[in-house]
Protein backbone atom coordinates (compact mmCIF):
# COMPACT_ATOMS: atom_id res chain seq x y z
CA MET A 1 0.00 0.00 0.00
CA TYR A 2 1.15 3.52 -0.50
CA GLU A 3 0.23 6.85 0.98
CA GLY A 4 1.79 9.09 -1.58
CA GLY A 5 4.95 6.93 -1.65
CA GLN A 6 7.83 7.63 -4.03
CA ALA A 7 6.64 5.27 -6.79
CA ALA A 8 3.12 6.65 -6.67
CA GLU A 9 4.30 10.27 -6.65
CA THR A 10 6.60 9.62 -9.61
CA PHE A 11 3.75 7.92 -11.50
CA ARG A 12 1.35 10.79 -10.80
CA ALA A 13 3.99 13.36 -11.77
CA GLU A 14 4.46 11.66 -15.15
CA THR A 15 0.72 11.41 -15.78
CA ALA A 16 -1.54 14.32 -16.62
CA MET A 17 -5.31 14.50 -16.46
CA THR A 18 -6.64 15.58 -19.85
CA GLY A 19 -10.35 15.73 -20.40
CA ASP A 20 -11.85 12.78 -18.58
CA ARG A 21 -8.81 10.46 -18.76
CA ASP A 22 -5.37 10.30 -17.22
CA ARG A 23 -2.70 10.28 -19.93
CA ASP A 24 1.08 10.01 -19.97
CA ALA A 25 3.46 12.35 -21.79
CA PHE A 26 2.82 10.41 -25.03
CA ARG A 27 -0.97 10.90 -24.59
CA ARG A 28 -1.52 7.17 -23.95
CA PRO A 29 -4.26 6.38 -21.44
CA ARG A 30 -2.81 5.72 -17.98
CA GLN A 31 -4.47 5.24 -14.64
CA ALA A 32 -3.11 7.66 -12.05
CA ARG A 33 -6.13 7.26 -9.81
CA PRO A 34 -5.52 5.00 -6.79
CA ARG A 35 -7.26 1.62 -6.72
CA ASP A 36 -8.21 -0.85 -4.03
CA ALA A 37 -6.88 -4.42 -3.98
CA LEU A 38 -9.70 -5.57 -6.29
CA GLY A 39 -9.04 -2.88 -8.90
CA ARG A 40 -11.89 -0.53 -8.00
CA PRO A 41 -10.97 3.14 -8.46
CA LEU A 42 -10.71 5.24 -5.32
CA PRO A 43 -10.99 9.03 -5.09
CA TYR A 44 -7.82 10.93 -5.99
CA GLY A 45 -5.70 11.41 -2.88
CA SER A 46 -6.95 8.19 -1.25
CA VAL A 47 -4.75 5.37 -0.05
CA GLY A 48 -4.55 2.56 -2.58
CA VAL A 49 -2.44 -0.42 -3.50
CA GLU A 50 0.80 0.00 -5.40
CA PRO A 51 0.05 -0.05 -9.15
CA VAL A 52 1.64 -2.76 -11.26
CA PRO A 53 3.92 -1.74 -14.14
CA GLU A 54 2.15 -1.44 -17.48
CA GLU A 55 5.16 -2.70 -19.43
CA PRO A 56 5.07 -6.38 -20.39
CA LEU A 57 7.35 -8.74 -18.53
CA PRO A 58 9.04 -11.80 -20.05
CA PRO A 59 6.71 -14.83 -19.98
CA GLU A 60 8.19 -16.57 -16.94
CA GLN A 61 8.30 -13.34 -14.92
CA THR A 62 4.73 -12.60 -15.98
CA LEU A 63 3.59 -15.91 -14.50
CA VAL A 64 5.55 -15.45 -11.26
CA SER A 65 4.17 -11.93 -10.83
CA ALA A 66 0.58 -12.91 -11.66
CA ARG A 67 0.68 -15.88 -9.27
CA SER A 68 2.08 -13.72 -6.49
CA LEU A 69 -0.63 -11.11 -7.03
CA VAL A 70 -3.42 -13.71 -7.01
CA ASP A 71 -1.98 -15.25 -3.84
CA ALA A 72 -1.92 -11.76 -2.28
CA GLY A 73 -5.63 -11.27 -3.02
CA ARG A 74 -5.05 -9.00 -6.03
CA PRO A 75 -6.46 -10.91 -9.02
CA PHE A 76 -7.28 -7.67 -10.86
CA ALA A 77 -3.63 -6.62 -10.76
CA ALA A 78 -2.67 -10.13 -11.95
CA HIS A 79 -5.02 -9.60 -14.89
CA GLU A 80 -3.22 -6.35 -15.75
CA VAL A 81 0.18 -8.11 -15.75
CA LEU A 82 -1.19 -10.90 -17.96
CA GLU A 83 -2.92 -8.43 -20.28
CA ALA A 84 0.34 -6.58 -20.88
CA ARG A 85 1.98 -9.90 -21.86
CA TRP A 86 -0.87 -10.90 -24.19
CA LYS A 87 -0.81 -7.56 -25.99
CA ALA A 88 2.98 -7.73 -26.44
CA GLY A 89 3.30 -11.45 -27.12
CA PRO A 90 3.09 -13.42 -30.34
CA ALA A 91 -0.36 -14.00 -31.84
CA GLU A 92 0.12 -17.77 -31.42
CA GLU A 93 0.12 -17.31 -27.62
CA ARG A 94 -2.88 -14.99 -27.43
CA ASN A 95 -5.28 -17.64 -26.10
CA LEU A 96 -2.83 -18.57 -23.34
CA TRP A 97 -2.39 -15.05 -21.98
CA GLN A 98 -5.92 -13.88 -22.65
CA GLY A 99 -7.36 -17.03 -21.06
CA LEU A 100 -5.25 -16.55 -17.94
CA ALA A 101 -6.22 -12.86 -17.78
CA GLN A 102 -9.92 -13.70 -18.11
CA ILE A 103 -9.66 -16.22 -15.29
CA CYS A 104 -8.12 -13.51 -13.09
CA VAL A 105 -10.96 -11.12 -13.94
CA GLY A 106 -13.37 -13.93 -13.06
CA LEU A 107 -11.66 -14.29 -9.68
CA THR A 108 -11.96 -10.52 -9.26
CA HIS A 109 -15.70 -10.71 -9.86
CA ALA A 110 -15.98 -13.58 -7.38
CA ALA A 111 -14.14 -11.58 -4.72
CA ARG A 112 -16.45 -8.62 -5.38
CA GLY A 113 -19.51 -10.86 -4.94
CA ASN A 114 -20.55 -11.05 -8.61
CA SER A 115 -20.93 -14.82 -8.98
CA VAL A 116 -22.60 -14.67 -12.41
CA GLY A 117 -19.82 -12.54 -13.93
CA ALA A 118 -17.20 -14.67 -12.18
CA LEU A 119 -18.52 -17.90 -13.66
CA ARG A 120 -18.82 -16.43 -17.16
CA LEU A 121 -15.28 -15.08 -17.21
CA VAL A 122 -13.66 -18.15 -15.66
CA GLU A 123 -15.42 -20.36 -18.21
CA ARG A 124 -14.49 -18.03 -21.08
CA GLY A 125 -10.86 -18.14 -19.94
CA ALA A 126 -11.05 -21.93 -19.48
CA ALA A 127 -12.28 -22.31 -23.07
CA ARG A 128 -9.34 -20.27 -24.37
CA LEU A 129 -6.88 -22.35 -22.34
CA GLU A 130 -8.46 -25.59 -23.54
CA GLU A 131 -8.16 -24.44 -27.15
CA TYR A 132 -4.57 -23.35 -26.57
CA SER A 133 -3.60 -26.64 -24.90
CA SER A 134 -4.77 -28.58 -27.96
CA GLY A 135 -1.94 -26.99 -29.94
CA GLU A 136 1.83 -27.01 -29.69
CA GLY A 137 2.35 -23.62 -28.01
CA PRO A 138 4.52 -23.26 -24.91
CA THR A 139 2.81 -23.32 -21.51
CA TYR A 140 5.87 -22.07 -19.62
CA GLY A 141 5.58 -24.88 -17.10
CA LEU A 142 1.88 -24.39 -16.37
CA ASP A 143 -0.52 -27.30 -16.08
CA LEU A 144 -3.43 -25.53 -17.76
CA SER A 145 -6.00 -28.09 -16.56
CA ALA A 146 -4.83 -27.53 -12.98
CA VAL A 147 -5.06 -23.75 -13.41
CA VAL A 148 -8.67 -24.06 -14.58
CA GLY A 149 -9.50 -26.49 -11.76
CA CYS A 150 -8.00 -24.15 -9.18
CA ALA A 151 -9.96 -21.18 -10.56
CA ARG A 152 -13.21 -23.14 -10.48
CA ASP A 153 -12.48 -24.17 -6.88
CA ARG A 154 -11.88 -20.56 -5.93
CA LEU A 155 -15.28 -19.57 -7.27
CA HIS A 156 -16.76 -21.53 -4.37
CA THR A 157 -14.69 -19.51 -1.85
CA GLY A 158 -15.43 -16.04 -3.25
CA GLY A 159 -12.10 -15.87 -5.08
CA ARG A 160 -9.98 -15.93 -1.92
CA ALA A 161 -6.62 -17.65 -2.35
CA GLY A 162 -6.25 -18.97 1.19
CA ASP A 163 -9.65 -20.66 1.42
CA GLN A 164 -9.13 -23.62 -0.87
């Protein structure tokens, strides 16, 4: 968490509010507004969780970071890490990264109490992972069936990592 910490201050200093969106110096949309652990925006000046970098990480680092964030109760942030990888990665791996990101958004919905949205997104992500696993693409050490099973189990615990 930060209360105007160095990283947050630097991020806000490099981001300008233009119109109704925060944008960086290159006019790309950026989120300078603080968020809670489940990704919900908080009022400017509020205490929020440390934002995750928007730059894509290498595949293995992406998985380590996403897993750590899910385990810490931050599936929305894990989704952001995975989304950066999917947008930067090769088209052949899109279903892997997008499926994992959708599962994390499903876990976010579960933790927020939206069971219908949670189920839909976990199943949409599961379908992408199933399609991906039928091919020859790398899984970077993941057992995709186990990932899907774990996500489905977490739906029954409201998306909380420690309750399974």
